[in-house]
Amino acid sequence: MLGLSFKPNTNDLRDAPALAIAQELIKQGATLRVYDPVALEEACQTMSGLIPCKDAYEAAEGADALILMTEWNQFRTLDFERLKTALRQPIFFDLRNVYEPDRVAAFGLRHISVGRPSKLPS
């Protein structure tokens, strides 16, 4: 999971959708590797079960999917070749619609976003 704060450039976790989604995923048995440039430490203190990572690529290592929760600038230029190698399953949930589905699919990842059809790898 990439991004935990409710918006970029803050460590504010109040009403952060990422935490609600994380809580539900953990409740259903998921293991969550997470990264946020500013709110990581606070989020891990607030909620048990999160595995903190040093960057987006460590969070993706061995994961069944990667979820982009907050549109930090660091997440706007992800290396999708590197992510595809790190992920166990090439699935990218873009919950902020940061990326064009065709661009992500061209790297061999399934792109799932909000309000747009899923795009399978090309």
PDB file of N, CA and C in Angstrom:
ATOM      1  N   MET A   1       0.855  -1.169   0.000  1.00  0.00           N
ATOM      2  CA  MET A   1       0.000   0.000   0.000  1.00  0.00           C
ATOM      3  C   MET A   1       0.900   1.232   0.000  1.00  0.00           C
ATOM      4  N   LEU A   2       0.647   2.127  -0.927  1.00  0.00           N
ATOM      5  CA  LEU A   2       1.440   3.351  -1.042  1.00  0.00           C
ATOM      6  C   LEU A   2       0.597   4.550  -0.633  1.00  0.00           C
ATOM      7  N   GLY A   3       1.032   5.238   0.399  1.00  0.00           N
ATOM      8  CA  GLY A   3       0.333   6.420   0.893  1.00  0.00           C
ATOM      9  C   GLY A   3      -0.673   6.057   1.963  1.00  0.00           C
ATOM     10  N   LEU A   4      -0.535   6.686   3.114  1.00  0.00           N
ATOM     11  CA  LEU A   4      -1.435   6.425   4.232  1.00  0.00           C
ATOM     12  C   LEU A   4      -2.164   7.681   4.690  1.00  0.00           C
ATOM     13  N   SER A   5      -1.539   8.833   4.519  1.00  0.00           N
ATOM     14  CA  SER A   5      -2.179  10.091   4.911  1.00  0.00           C
ATOM     15  C   SER A   5      -3.368  10.374   3.997  1.00  0.00           C
ATOM     16  N   PHE A   6      -4.280  11.227   4.463  1.00  0.00           N
ATOM     17  CA  PHE A   6      -5.493  11.463   3.671  1.00  0.00           C
ATOM     18  C   PHE A   6      -5.233  12.315   2.439  1.00  0.00           C
ATOM     19  N   LYS A   7      -4.096  13.008   2.409  1.00  0.00           N
ATOM     20  CA  LYS A   7      -3.697  13.761   1.210  1.00  0.00           C
ATOM     21  C   LYS A   7      -2.175  13.896   1.219  1.00  0.00           C
ATOM     22  N   PRO A   8      -1.577  14.204   0.074  1.00  0.00           N
ATOM     23  CA  PRO A   8      -0.120  14.323   0.026  1.00  0.00           C
ATOM     24  C   PRO A   8       0.377  15.533   0.816  1.00  0.00           C
ATOM     25  N   ASN A   9       1.652  15.491   1.142  1.00  0.00           N
ATOM     26  CA  ASN A   9       2.357  16.578   1.818  1.00  0.00           C
ATOM     27  C   ASN A   9       1.857  16.837   3.230  1.00  0.00           C
ATOM     28  N   THR A  10       1.366  15.794   3.886  1.00  0.00           N
ATOM     29  CA  THR A  10       0.937  15.912   5.279  1.00  0.00           C
ATOM     30  C   THR A  10       1.059  14.556   5.950  1.00  0.00           C
ATOM     31  N   ASN A  11       1.159  14.581   7.273  1.00  0.00           N
ATOM     32  CA  ASN A  11       1.144  13.327   8.021  1.00  0.00           C
ATOM     33  C   ASN A  11      -0.220  13.118   8.685  1.00  0.00           C
ATOM     34  N   ASP A  12      -1.195  13.900   8.273  1.00  0.00           N
ATOM     35  CA  ASP A  12      -2.529  13.860   8.868  1.00  0.00           C
ATOM     36  C   ASP A  12      -3.252  12.567   8.477  1.00  0.00           C
ATOM     37  N   LEU A  13      -3.586  11.777   9.474  1.00  0.00           N
ATOM     38  CA  LEU A  13      -4.252  10.503   9.250  1.00  0.00           C
ATOM     39  C   LEU A  13      -5.736  10.542   9.613  1.00  0.00           C
ATOM     40  N   ARG A  14      -6.220  11.696  10.084  1.00  0.00           N
ATOM     41  CA  ARG A  14      -7.634  11.790  10.468  1.00  0.00           C
ATOM     42  C   ARG A  14      -8.520  11.464   9.271  1.00  0.00           C
ATOM     43  N   ASP A  15      -9.415  10.520   9.470  1.00  0.00           N
ATOM     44  CA  ASP A  15     -10.354  10.111   8.423  1.00  0.00           C
ATOM     45  C   ASP A  15      -9.675   9.674   7.126  1.00  0.00           C
ATOM     46  N   ALA A  16      -8.451   9.182   7.226  1.00  0.00           N
ATOM     47  CA  ALA A  16      -7.731   8.736   6.032  1.00  0.00           C
ATOM     48  C   ALA A  16      -8.359   7.450   5.496  1.00  0.00           C
ATOM     49  N   PRO A  17      -8.825   7.466   4.241  1.00  0.00           N
ATOM     50  CA  PRO A  17      -9.406   6.255   3.656  1.00  0.00           C
ATOM     51  C   PRO A  17      -8.433   5.076   3.669  1.00  0.00           C
ATOM     52  N   ALA A  18      -7.144   5.360   3.560  1.00  0.00           N
ATOM     53  CA  ALA A  18      -6.150   4.283   3.539  1.00  0.00           C
ATOM     54  C   ALA A  18      -6.220   3.438   4.802  1.00  0.00           C
ATOM     55  N   LEU A  19      -6.417   4.068   5.944  1.00  0.00           N
ATOM     56  CA  LEU A  19      -6.468   3.306   7.189  1.00  0.00           C
ATOM     57  C   LEU A  19      -7.727   2.461   7.282  1.00  0.00           C
ATOM     58  N   ALA A  20      -8.840   2.986   6.811  1.00  0.00           N
ATOM     59  CA  ALA A  20     -10.086   2.208   6.816  1.00  0.00           C
ATOM     60  C   ALA A  20      -9.961   1.003   5.891  1.00  0.00           C
ATOM     61  N   ILE A  21      -9.377   1.197   4.728  1.00  0.00           N
ATOM     62  CA  ILE A  21      -9.181   0.102   3.776  1.00  0.00           C
ATOM     63  C   ILE A  21      -8.181  -0.903   4.344  1.00  0.00           C
ATOM     64  N   ALA A  22      -7.097  -0.404   4.933  1.00  0.00           N
ATOM     65  CA  ALA A  22      -6.094  -1.284   5.540  1.00  0.00           C
ATOM     66  C   ALA A  22      -6.714  -2.135   6.642  1.00  0.00           C
ATOM     67  N   GLN A  23      -7.514  -1.523   7.474  1.00  0.00           N
ATOM     68  CA  GLN A  23      -8.157  -2.241   8.567  1.00  0.00           C
ATOM     69  C   GLN A  23      -9.041  -3.371   8.036  1.00  0.00           C
ATOM     70  N   GLU A  24      -9.788  -3.093   6.998  1.00  0.00           N
ATOM     71  CA  GLU A  24     -10.661  -4.115   6.416  1.00  0.00           C
ATOM     72  C   GLU A  24      -9.848  -5.239   5.764  1.00  0.00           C
ATOM     73  N   LEU A  25      -8.782  -4.884   5.074  1.00  0.00           N
ATOM     74  CA  LEU A  25      -7.944  -5.904   4.438  1.00  0.00           C
ATOM     75  C   LEU A  25      -7.299  -6.812   5.485  1.00  0.00           C
ATOM     76  N   ILE A  26      -6.810  -6.228   6.571  1.00  0.00           N
ATOM     77  CA  ILE A  26      -6.209  -7.019   7.649  1.00  0.00           C
ATOM     78  C   ILE A  26      -7.265  -7.924   8.285  1.00  0.00           C
ATOM     79  N   LYS A  27      -8.454  -7.376   8.485  1.00  0.00           N
ATOM     80  CA  LYS A  27      -9.561  -8.156   9.053  1.00  0.00           C
ATOM     81  C   LYS A  27      -9.857  -9.385   8.195  1.00  0.00           C
ATOM     82  N   GLN A  28      -9.665  -9.243   6.879  1.00  0.00           N
ATOM     83  CA  GLN A  28      -9.931 -10.353   5.959  1.00  0.00           C
ATOM     84  C   GLN A  28      -8.710 -11.258   5.758  1.00  0.00           C
ATOM     85  N   GLY A  29      -7.645 -10.986   6.514  1.00  0.00           N
ATOM     86  CA  GLY A  29      -6.483 -11.871   6.485  1.00  0.00           C
ATOM     87  C   GLY A  29      -5.309 -11.413   5.653  1.00  0.00           C
ATOM     88  N   ALA A  30      -5.360 -10.226   5.112  1.00  0.00           N
ATOM     89  CA  ALA A  30      -4.253  -9.722   4.287  1.00  0.00           C
ATOM     90  C   ALA A  30      -3.071  -9.302   5.160  1.00  0.00           C
ATOM     91  N   THR A  31      -1.893  -9.417   4.601  1.00  0.00           N
ATOM     92  CA  THR A  31      -0.675  -8.870   5.186  1.00  0.00           C
ATOM     93  C   THR A  31      -0.385  -7.591   4.418  1.00  0.00           C
ATOM     94  N   LEU A  32      -0.188  -6.491   5.134  1.00  0.00           N
ATOM     95  CA  LEU A  32      -0.001  -5.205   4.452  1.00  0.00           C
ATOM     96  C   LEU A  32       1.385  -4.631   4.672  1.00  0.00           C
ATOM     97  N   ARG A  33       2.102  -4.520   3.565  1.00  0.00           N
ATOM     98  CA  ARG A  33       3.392  -3.823   3.548  1.00  0.00           C
ATOM     99  C   ARG A  33       3.071  -2.406   3.077  1.00  0.00           C
ATOM    100  N   VAL A  34       3.470  -1.421   3.843  1.00  0.00           N
ATOM    101  CA  VAL A  34       3.043  -0.057   3.576  1.00  0.00           C
ATOM    102  C   VAL A  34       4.219   0.916   3.514  1.00  0.00           C
ATOM    103  N   TYR A  35       4.005   1.985   2.731  1.00  0.00           N
ATOM    104  CA  TYR A  35       4.985   3.070   2.678  1.00  0.00           C
ATOM    105  C   TYR A  35       4.255   4.393   2.502  1.00  0.00           C
ATOM    106  N   ASP A  36       4.678   5.375   3.273  1.00  0.00           N
ATOM    107  CA  ASP A  36       4.218   6.757   3.145  1.00  0.00           C
ATOM    108  C   ASP A  36       5.421   7.631   3.457  1.00  0.00           C
ATOM    109  N   PRO A  37       5.704   8.648   2.631  1.00  0.00           N
ATOM    110  CA  PRO A  37       6.888   9.477   2.842  1.00  0.00           C
ATOM    111  C   PRO A  37       6.918  10.220   4.183  1.00  0.00           C
ATOM    112  N   VAL A  38       5.766  10.516   4.769  1.00  0.00           N
ATOM    113  CA  VAL A  38       5.735  11.310   6.003  1.00  0.00           C
ATOM    114  C   VAL A  38       4.961  10.628   7.133  1.00  0.00           C
ATOM    115  N   ALA A  39       3.866   9.967   6.829  1.00  0.00           N
ATOM    116  CA  ALA A  39       2.964   9.462   7.864  1.00  0.00           C
ATOM    117  C   ALA A  39       3.210   8.006   8.262  1.00  0.00           C
ATOM    118  N   LEU A  40       4.284   7.396   7.799  1.00  0.00           N
ATOM    119  CA  LEU A  40       4.525   5.973   8.028  1.00  0.00           C
ATOM    120  C   LEU A  40       4.625   5.629   9.517  1.00  0.00           C
ATOM    121  N   GLU A  41       5.464   6.325  10.230  1.00  0.00           N
ATOM    122  CA  GLU A  41       5.682   6.008  11.648  1.00  0.00           C
ATOM    123  C   GLU A  41       4.400   6.183  12.453  1.00  0.00           C
ATOM    124  N   GLU A  42       3.725   7.291  12.247  1.00  0.00           N
ATOM    125  CA  GLU A  42       2.481   7.555  12.975  1.00  0.00           C
ATOM    126  C   GLU A  42       1.404   6.519  12.644  1.00  0.00           C
ATOM    127  N   ALA A  43       1.301   6.137  11.386  1.00  0.00           N
ATOM    128  CA  ALA A  43       0.303   5.153  10.983  1.00  0.00           C
ATOM    129  C   ALA A  43       0.574   3.807  11.645  1.00  0.00           C
ATOM    130  N   CYS A  44       1.839   3.413  11.692  1.00  0.00           N
ATOM    131  CA  CYS A  44       2.192   2.125  12.295  1.00  0.00           C
ATOM    132  C   CYS A  44       1.978   2.140  13.808  1.00  0.00           C
ATOM    133  N   GLN A  45       2.073   3.304  14.424  1.00  0.00           N
ATOM    134  CA  GLN A  45       1.776   3.427  15.860  1.00  0.00           C
ATOM    135  C   GLN A  45       0.271   3.427  16.101  1.00  0.00           C
ATOM    136  N   THR A  46      -0.476   3.970  15.159  1.00  0.00           N
ATOM    137  CA  THR A  46      -1.928   4.080  15.280  1.00  0.00           C
ATOM    138  C   THR A  46      -2.623   2.751  15.044  1.00  0.00           C
ATOM    139  N   MET A  47      -2.083   1.969  14.130  1.00  0.00           N
ATOM    140  CA  MET A  47      -2.760   0.746  13.706  1.00  0.00           C
ATOM    141  C   MET A  47      -1.799  -0.432  13.717  1.00  0.00           C
ATOM    142  N   SER A  48      -2.179  -1.495  14.394  1.00  0.00           N
ATOM    143  CA  SER A  48      -1.319  -2.673  14.412  1.00  0.00           C
ATOM    144  C   SER A  48      -1.532  -3.489  13.135  1.00  0.00           C
ATOM    145  N   GLY A  49      -0.524  -4.258  12.802  1.00  0.00           N
ATOM    146  CA  GLY A  49      -0.624  -5.134  11.644  1.00  0.00           C
ATOM    147  C   GLY A  49      -0.006  -4.587  10.381  1.00  0.00           C
ATOM    148  N   LEU A  50       0.406  -3.327  10.381  1.00  0.00           N
ATOM    149  CA  LEU A  50       1.049  -2.749   9.201  1.00  0.00           C
ATOM    150  C   LEU A  50       2.540  -3.076   9.238  1.00  0.00           C
ATOM    151  N   ILE A  51       3.095  -3.424   8.103  1.00  0.00           N
ATOM    152  CA  ILE A  51       4.528  -3.687   8.002  1.00  0.00           C
ATOM    153  C   ILE A  51       5.166  -2.498   7.286  1.00  0.00           C
ATOM    154  N   PRO A  52       5.933  -1.662   8.011  1.00  0.00           N
ATOM    155  CA  PRO A  52       6.517  -0.469   7.388  1.00  0.00           C
ATOM    156  C   PRO A  52       7.644  -0.836   6.422  1.00  0.00           C
ATOM    157  N   CYS A  53       7.695  -0.117   5.305  1.00  0.00           N
ATOM    158  CA  CYS A  53       8.726  -0.326   4.287  1.00  0.00           C
ATOM    159  C   CYS A  53       9.452   0.981   4.005  1.00  0.00           C
ATOM    160  N   LYS A  54      10.679   0.874   3.500  1.00  0.00           N
ATOM    161  CA  LYS A  54      11.510   2.068   3.279  1.00  0.00           C
ATOM    162  C   LYS A  54      11.149   2.822   2.003  1.00  0.00           C
ATOM    163  N   ASP A  55      10.456   2.162   1.061  1.00  0.00           N
ATOM    164  CA  ASP A  55      10.056   2.826  -0.179  1.00  0.00           C
ATOM    165  C   ASP A  55       8.977   2.005  -0.888  1.00  0.00           C
ATOM    166  N   ALA A  56       8.529   2.497  -2.017  1.00  0.00           N
ATOM    167  CA  ALA A  56       7.463   1.835  -2.774  1.00  0.00           C
ATOM    168  C   ALA A  56       7.874   0.448  -3.249  1.00  0.00           C
ATOM    169  N   TYR A  57       9.137   0.279  -3.580  1.00  0.00           N
ATOM    170  CA  TYR A  57       9.601  -0.979  -4.150  1.00  0.00           C
ATOM    171  C   TYR A  57       9.714  -2.064  -3.078  1.00  0.00           C
ATOM    172  N   GLU A  58      10.103  -1.686  -1.880  1.00  0.00           N
ATOM    173  CA  GLU A  58      10.110  -2.647  -0.782  1.00  0.00           C
ATOM    174  C   GLU A  58       8.673  -3.044  -0.430  1.00  0.00           C
ATOM    175  N   ALA A  59       7.754  -2.093  -0.481  1.00  0.00           N
ATOM    176  CA  ALA A  59       6.343  -2.400  -0.207  1.00  0.00           C
ATOM    177  C   ALA A  59       5.797  -3.387  -1.236  1.00  0.00           C
ATOM    178  N   ALA A  60       6.252  -3.305  -2.459  1.00  0.00           N
ATOM    179  CA  ALA A  60       5.767  -4.176  -3.539  1.00  0.00           C
ATOM    180  C   ALA A  60       6.391  -5.570  -3.506  1.00  0.00           C
ATOM    181  N   GLU A  61       7.512  -5.716  -2.819  1.00  0.00           N
ATOM    182  CA  GLU A  61       8.259  -6.973  -2.838  1.00  0.00           C
ATOM    183  C   GLU A  61       7.405  -8.158  -2.389  1.00  0.00           C
ATOM    184  N   GLY A  62       7.142  -9.067  -3.330  1.00  0.00           N
ATOM    185  CA  GLY A  62       6.401 -10.283  -3.042  1.00  0.00           C
ATOM    186  C   GLY A  62       4.903 -10.099  -2.837  1.00  0.00           C
ATOM    187  N   ALA A  63       4.387  -8.911  -3.118  1.00  0.00           N
ATOM    188  CA  ALA A  63       2.968  -8.616  -2.886  1.00  0.00           C
ATOM    189  C   ALA A  63       2.089  -9.171  -4.007  1.00  0.00           C
ATOM    190  N   ASP A  64       0.853  -9.492  -3.640  1.00  0.00           N
ATOM    191  CA  ASP A  64      -0.128  -9.946  -4.631  1.00  0.00           C
ATOM    192  C   ASP A  64      -0.700  -8.785  -5.424  1.00  0.00           C
ATOM    193  N   ALA A  65      -0.579  -7.574  -4.887  1.00  0.00           N
ATOM    194  CA  ALA A  65      -1.057  -6.370  -5.580  1.00  0.00           C
ATOM    195  C   ALA A  65      -0.441  -5.153  -4.897  1.00  0.00           C
ATOM    196  N   LEU A  66      -0.426  -4.047  -5.623  1.00  0.00           N
ATOM    197  CA  LEU A  66       0.043  -2.778  -5.073  1.00  0.00           C
ATOM    198  C   LEU A  66      -1.108  -1.784  -5.171  1.00  0.00           C
ATOM    199  N   ILE A  67      -1.375  -1.085  -4.062  1.00  0.00           N
ATOM    200  CA  ILE A  67      -2.489  -0.139  -4.016  1.00  0.00           C
ATOM    201  C   ILE A  67      -1.937   1.269  -3.802  1.00  0.00           C
ATOM    202  N   LEU A  68      -2.203   2.164  -4.737  1.00  0.00           N
ATOM    203  CA  LEU A  68      -1.830   3.567  -4.597  1.00  0.00           C
ATOM    204  C   LEU A  68      -2.984   4.301  -3.925  1.00  0.00           C
ATOM    205  N   MET A  69      -2.767   4.723  -2.682  1.00  0.00           N
ATOM    206  CA  MET A  69      -3.822   5.341  -1.881  1.00  0.00           C
ATOM    207  C   MET A  69      -3.753   6.866  -1.845  1.00  0.00           C
ATOM    208  N   THR A  70      -2.549   7.414  -1.859  1.00  0.00           N
ATOM    209  CA  THR A  70      -2.355   8.860  -1.746  1.00  0.00           C
ATOM    210  C   THR A  70      -1.442   9.313  -2.876  1.00  0.00           C
ATOM    211  N   GLU A  71      -1.788  10.400  -3.530  1.00  0.00           N
ATOM    212  CA  GLU A  71      -1.061  10.830  -4.728  1.00  0.00           C
ATOM    213  C   GLU A  71       0.166  11.701  -4.423  1.00  0.00           C
ATOM    214  N   TRP A  72       1.073  11.158  -3.608  1.00  0.00           N
ATOM    215  CA  TRP A  72       2.344  11.836  -3.357  1.00  0.00           C
ATOM    216  C   TRP A  72       3.103  11.976  -4.673  1.00  0.00           C
ATOM    217  N   ASN A  73       3.899  13.049  -4.807  1.00  0.00           N
ATOM    218  CA  ASN A  73       4.685  13.253  -6.027  1.00  0.00           C
ATOM    219  C   ASN A  73       5.617  12.081  -6.310  1.00  0.00           C
ATOM    220  N   GLN A  74       6.190  11.465  -5.253  1.00  0.00           N
ATOM    221  CA  GLN A  74       7.085  10.320  -5.432  1.00  0.00           C
ATOM    222  C   GLN A  74       6.386   9.162  -6.139  1.00  0.00           C
ATOM    223  N   PHE A  75       5.083   9.075  -6.009  1.00  0.00           N
ATOM    224  CA  PHE A  75       4.347   7.967  -6.606  1.00  0.00           C
ATOM    225  C   PHE A  75       3.905   8.268  -8.036  1.00  0.00           C
ATOM    226  N   ARG A  76       4.153   9.470  -8.519  1.00  0.00           N
ATOM    227  CA  ARG A  76       3.766   9.845  -9.884  1.00  0.00           C
ATOM    228  C   ARG A  76       4.793   9.401 -10.931  1.00  0.00           C
ATOM    229  N   THR A  77       5.940   8.945 -10.471  1.00  0.00           N
ATOM    230  CA  THR A  77       7.004   8.536 -11.393  1.00  0.00           C
ATOM    231  C   THR A  77       7.534   7.148 -11.031  1.00  0.00           C
ATOM    232  N   LEU A  78       6.650   6.232 -10.720  1.00  0.00           N
ATOM    233  CA  LEU A  78       7.061   4.885 -10.342  1.00  0.00           C
ATOM    234  C   LEU A  78       7.700   4.157 -11.518  1.00  0.00           C
ATOM    235  N   ASP A  79       8.677   3.339 -11.217  1.00  0.00           N
ATOM    236  CA  ASP A  79       9.355   2.507 -12.208  1.00  0.00           C
ATOM    237  C   ASP A  79       8.553   1.205 -12.317  1.00  0.00           C
ATOM    238  N   PHE A  80       7.683   1.106 -13.317  1.00  0.00           N
ATOM    239  CA  PHE A  80       6.801  -0.039 -13.442  1.00  0.00           C
ATOM    240  C   PHE A  80       7.534  -1.322 -13.822  1.00  0.00           C
ATOM    241  N   GLU A  81       8.657  -1.228 -14.496  1.00  0.00           N
ATOM    242  CA  GLU A  81       9.468  -2.424 -14.772  1.00  0.00           C
ATOM    243  C   GLU A  81       9.949  -3.007 -13.443  1.00  0.00           C
ATOM    244  N   ARG A  82      10.448  -2.159 -12.585  1.00  0.00           N
ATOM    245  CA  ARG A  82      10.938  -2.591 -11.271  1.00  0.00           C
ATOM    246  C   ARG A  82       9.788  -3.139 -10.418  1.00  0.00           C
ATOM    247  N   LEU A  83       8.635  -2.477 -10.463  1.00  0.00           N
ATOM    248  CA  LEU A  83       7.482  -2.941  -9.696  1.00  0.00           C
ATOM    249  C   LEU A  83       7.009  -4.307 -10.181  1.00  0.00           C
ATOM    250  N   LYS A  84       6.960  -4.491 -11.483  1.00  0.00           N
ATOM    251  CA  LYS A  84       6.502  -5.767 -12.039  1.00  0.00           C
ATOM    252  C   LYS A  84       7.411  -6.898 -11.571  1.00  0.00           C
ATOM    253  N   THR A  85       8.702  -6.640 -11.498  1.00  0.00           N
ATOM    254  CA  THR A  85       9.654  -7.645 -11.025  1.00  0.00           C
ATOM    255  C   THR A  85       9.451  -7.928  -9.539  1.00  0.00           C
ATOM    256  N   ALA A  86       9.135  -6.901  -8.766  1.00  0.00           N
ATOM    257  CA  ALA A  86       8.977  -7.047  -7.314  1.00  0.00           C
ATOM    258  C   ALA A  86       7.676  -7.745  -6.931  1.00  0.00           C
ATOM    259  N   LEU A  87       6.617  -7.460  -7.651  1.00  0.00           N
ATOM    260  CA  LEU A  87       5.294  -8.001  -7.311  1.00  0.00           C
ATOM    261  C   LEU A  87       5.190  -9.489  -7.620  1.00  0.00           C
ATOM    262  N   ARG A  88       4.496 -10.219  -6.763  1.00  0.00           N
ATOM    263  CA  ARG A  88       4.202 -11.630  -7.034  1.00  0.00           C
ATOM    264  C   ARG A  88       3.139 -11.730  -8.122  1.00  0.00           C
ATOM    265  N   GLN A  89       2.138 -10.863  -8.047  1.00  0.00           N
ATOM    266  CA  GLN A  89       1.079 -10.777  -9.058  1.00  0.00           C
ATOM    267  C   GLN A  89       1.139  -9.358  -9.644  1.00  0.00           C
ATOM    268  N   PRO A  90       1.123  -9.190 -10.951  1.00  0.00           N
ATOM    269  CA  PRO A  90       1.251  -7.855 -11.547  1.00  0.00           C
ATOM    270  C   PRO A  90      -0.082  -7.084 -11.554  1.00  0.00           C
ATOM    271  N   ILE A  91      -0.527  -6.680 -10.354  1.00  0.00           N
ATOM    272  CA  ILE A  91      -1.797  -5.967 -10.226  1.00  0.00           C
ATOM    273  C   ILE A  91      -1.550  -4.631  -9.538  1.00  0.00           C
ATOM    274  N   PHE A  92      -2.037  -3.550 -10.148  1.00  0.00           N
ATOM    275  CA  PHE A  92      -1.839  -2.196  -9.627  1.00  0.00           C
ATOM    276  C   PHE A  92      -3.198  -1.520  -9.466  1.00  0.00           C
ATOM    277  N   PHE A  93      -3.585  -1.269  -8.218  1.00  0.00           N
ATOM    278  CA  PHE A  93      -4.803  -0.522  -7.920  1.00  0.00           C
ATOM    279  C   PHE A  93      -4.434   0.947  -7.800  1.00  0.00           C
ATOM    280  N   ASP A  94      -4.964   1.765  -8.665  1.00  0.00           N
ATOM    281  CA  ASP A  94      -4.698   3.207  -8.685  1.00  0.00           C
ATOM    282  C   ASP A  94      -5.949   3.921  -8.179  1.00  0.00           C
ATOM    283  N   LEU A  95      -6.067   4.050  -6.867  1.00  0.00           N
ATOM    284  CA  LEU A  95      -7.291   4.611  -6.294  1.00  0.00           C
ATOM    285  C   LEU A  95      -7.358   6.133  -6.387  1.00  0.00           C
ATOM    286  N   ARG A  96      -6.343   6.766  -6.943  1.00  0.00           N
ATOM    287  CA  ARG A  96      -6.345   8.218  -7.163  1.00  0.00           C
ATOM    288  C   ARG A  96      -6.289   8.586  -8.639  1.00  0.00           C
ATOM    289  N   ASN A  97      -6.361   7.589  -9.508  1.00  0.00           N
ATOM    290  CA  ASN A  97      -6.321   7.818 -10.956  1.00  0.00           C
ATOM    291  C   ASN A  97      -5.131   8.681 -11.382  1.00  0.00           C
ATOM    292  N   VAL A  98      -3.987   8.356 -10.833  1.00  0.00           N
ATOM    293  CA  VAL A  98      -2.757   9.082 -11.157  1.00  0.00           C
ATOM    294  C   VAL A  98      -2.239   8.692 -12.534  1.00  0.00           C
ATOM    295  N   TYR A  99      -2.387   7.421 -12.895  1.00  0.00           N
ATOM    296  CA  TYR A  99      -1.809   6.907 -14.137  1.00  0.00           C
ATOM    297  C   TYR A  99      -2.866   6.584 -15.186  1.00  0.00           C
ATOM    298  N   GLU A 100      -2.460   6.721 -16.436  1.00  0.00           N
ATOM    299  CA  GLU A 100      -3.301   6.303 -17.549  1.00  0.00           C
ATOM    300  C   GLU A 100      -3.271   4.773 -17.607  1.00  0.00           C
ATOM    301  N   PRO A 101      -4.427   4.140 -17.666  1.00  0.00           N
ATOM    302  CA  PRO A 101      -4.477   2.678 -17.668  1.00  0.00           C
ATOM    303  C   PRO A 101      -3.623   2.033 -18.766  1.00  0.00           C
ATOM    304  N   ASP A 102      -3.625   2.599 -19.962  1.00  0.00           N
ATOM    305  CA  ASP A 102      -2.847   2.021 -21.067  1.00  0.00           C
ATOM    306  C   ASP A 102      -1.355   2.025 -20.768  1.00  0.00           C
ATOM    307  N   ARG A 103      -0.892   3.073 -20.101  1.00  0.00           N
ATOM    308  CA  ARG A 103       0.539   3.184 -19.783  1.00  0.00           C
ATOM    309  C   ARG A 103       0.955   2.075 -18.825  1.00  0.00           C
ATOM    310  N   VAL A 104       0.169   1.847 -17.791  1.00  0.00           N
ATOM    311  CA  VAL A 104       0.484   0.812 -16.801  1.00  0.00           C
ATOM    312  C   VAL A 104       0.396  -0.570 -17.448  1.00  0.00           C
ATOM    313  N   ALA A 105      -0.643  -0.803 -18.230  1.00  0.00           N
ATOM    314  CA  ALA A 105      -0.834  -2.094 -18.894  1.00  0.00           C
ATOM    315  C   ALA A 105       0.308  -2.398 -19.866  1.00  0.00           C
ATOM    316  N   ALA A 106       0.875  -1.367 -20.471  1.00  0.00           N
ATOM    317  CA  ALA A 106       1.984  -1.561 -21.407  1.00  0.00           C
ATOM    318  C   ALA A 106       3.213  -2.152 -20.716  1.00  0.00           C
ATOM    319  N   PHE A 107       3.316  -1.978 -19.399  1.00  0.00           N
ATOM    320  CA  PHE A 107       4.419  -2.556 -18.634  1.00  0.00           C
ATOM    321  C   PHE A 107       4.098  -3.970 -18.148  1.00  0.00           C
ATOM    322  N   GLY A 108       2.918  -4.465 -18.495  1.00  0.00           N
ATOM    323  CA  GLY A 108       2.558  -5.820 -18.125  1.00  0.00           C
ATOM    324  C   GLY A 108       1.822  -5.958 -16.811  1.00  0.00           C
ATOM    325  N   LEU A 109       1.278  -4.859 -16.312  1.00  0.00           N
ATOM    326  CA  LEU A 109       0.506  -4.903 -15.077  1.00  0.00           C
ATOM    327  C   LEU A 109      -0.972  -4.703 -15.376  1.00  0.00           C
ATOM    328  N   ARG A 110      -1.806  -5.354 -14.593  1.00  0.00           N
ATOM    329  CA  ARG A 110      -3.244  -5.091 -14.670  1.00  0.00           C
ATOM    330  C   ARG A 110      -3.500  -3.808 -13.906  1.00  0.00           C
ATOM    331  N   HIS A 111      -4.186  -2.868 -14.526  1.00  0.00           N
ATOM    332  CA  HIS A 111      -4.476  -1.561 -13.926  1.00  0.00           C
ATOM    333  C   HIS A 111      -5.945  -1.506 -13.527  1.00  0.00           C
ATOM    334  N   ILE A 112      -6.192  -1.267 -12.238  1.00  0.00           N
ATOM    335  CA  ILE A 112      -7.552  -1.139 -11.725  1.00  0.00           C
ATOM    336  C   ILE A 112      -7.649   0.224 -11.070  1.00  0.00           C
ATOM    337  N   SER A 113      -8.637   1.020 -11.495  1.00  0.00           N
ATOM    338  CA  SER A 113      -8.762   2.374 -10.962  1.00  0.00           C
ATOM    339  C   SER A 113     -10.213   2.660 -10.597  1.00  0.00           C
ATOM    340  N   VAL A 114     -10.479   3.881 -10.243  1.00  0.00           N
ATOM    341  CA  VAL A 114     -11.815   4.295  -9.815  1.00  0.00           C
ATOM    342  C   VAL A 114     -12.538   4.960 -10.983  1.00  0.00           C
ATOM    343  N   GLY A 115     -13.713   4.443 -11.318  1.00  0.00           N
ATOM    344  CA  GLY A 115     -14.534   5.066 -12.355  1.00  0.00           C
ATOM    345  C   GLY A 115     -14.081   4.821 -13.773  1.00  0.00           C
ATOM    346  N   ARG A 116     -13.109   3.965 -13.961  1.00  0.00           N
ATOM    347  CA  ARG A 116     -12.639   3.625 -15.297  1.00  0.00           C
ATOM    348  C   ARG A 116     -12.563   2.107 -15.410  1.00  0.00           C
ATOM    349  N   PRO A 117     -12.714   1.570 -16.598  1.00  0.00           N
ATOM    350  CA  PRO A 117     -12.625   0.110 -16.737  1.00  0.00           C
ATOM    351  C   PRO A 117     -11.204  -0.374 -16.424  1.00  0.00           C
ATOM    352  N   SER A 118     -11.127  -1.591 -15.905  1.00  0.00           N
ATOM    353  CA  SER A 118      -9.821  -2.208 -15.666  1.00  0.00           C
ATOM    354  C   SER A 118      -9.122  -2.407 -17.014  1.00  0.00           C
ATOM    355  N   LYS A 119      -7.816  -2.373 -16.963  1.00  0.00           N
ATOM    356  CA  LYS A 119      -7.022  -2.561 -18.184  1.00  0.00           C
ATOM    357  C   LYS A 119      -6.079  -3.727 -17.952  1.00  0.00           C
ATOM    358  N   LEU A 120      -6.196  -4.751 -18.776  1.00  0.00           N
ATOM    359  CA  LEU A 120      -5.313  -5.905 -18.682  1.00  0.00           C
ATOM    360  C   LEU A 120      -3.994  -5.603 -19.374  1.00  0.00           C
ATOM    361  N   PRO A 121      -2.939  -6.308 -18.987  1.00  0.00           N
ATOM    362  CA  PRO A 121      -1.635  -6.088 -19.637  1.00  0.00           C
ATOM    363  C   PRO A 121      -1.734  -6.289 -21.139  1.00  0.00           C
ATOM    364  N   SER A 122      -0.980  -5.472 -21.868  1.00  0.00           N
ATOM    365  CA  SER A 122      -1.008  -5.594 -23.335  1.00  0.00           C
ATOM    366  C   SER A 122       0.019  -6.564 -23.826  1.00  0.00           C
TER     367      SER A 122
END
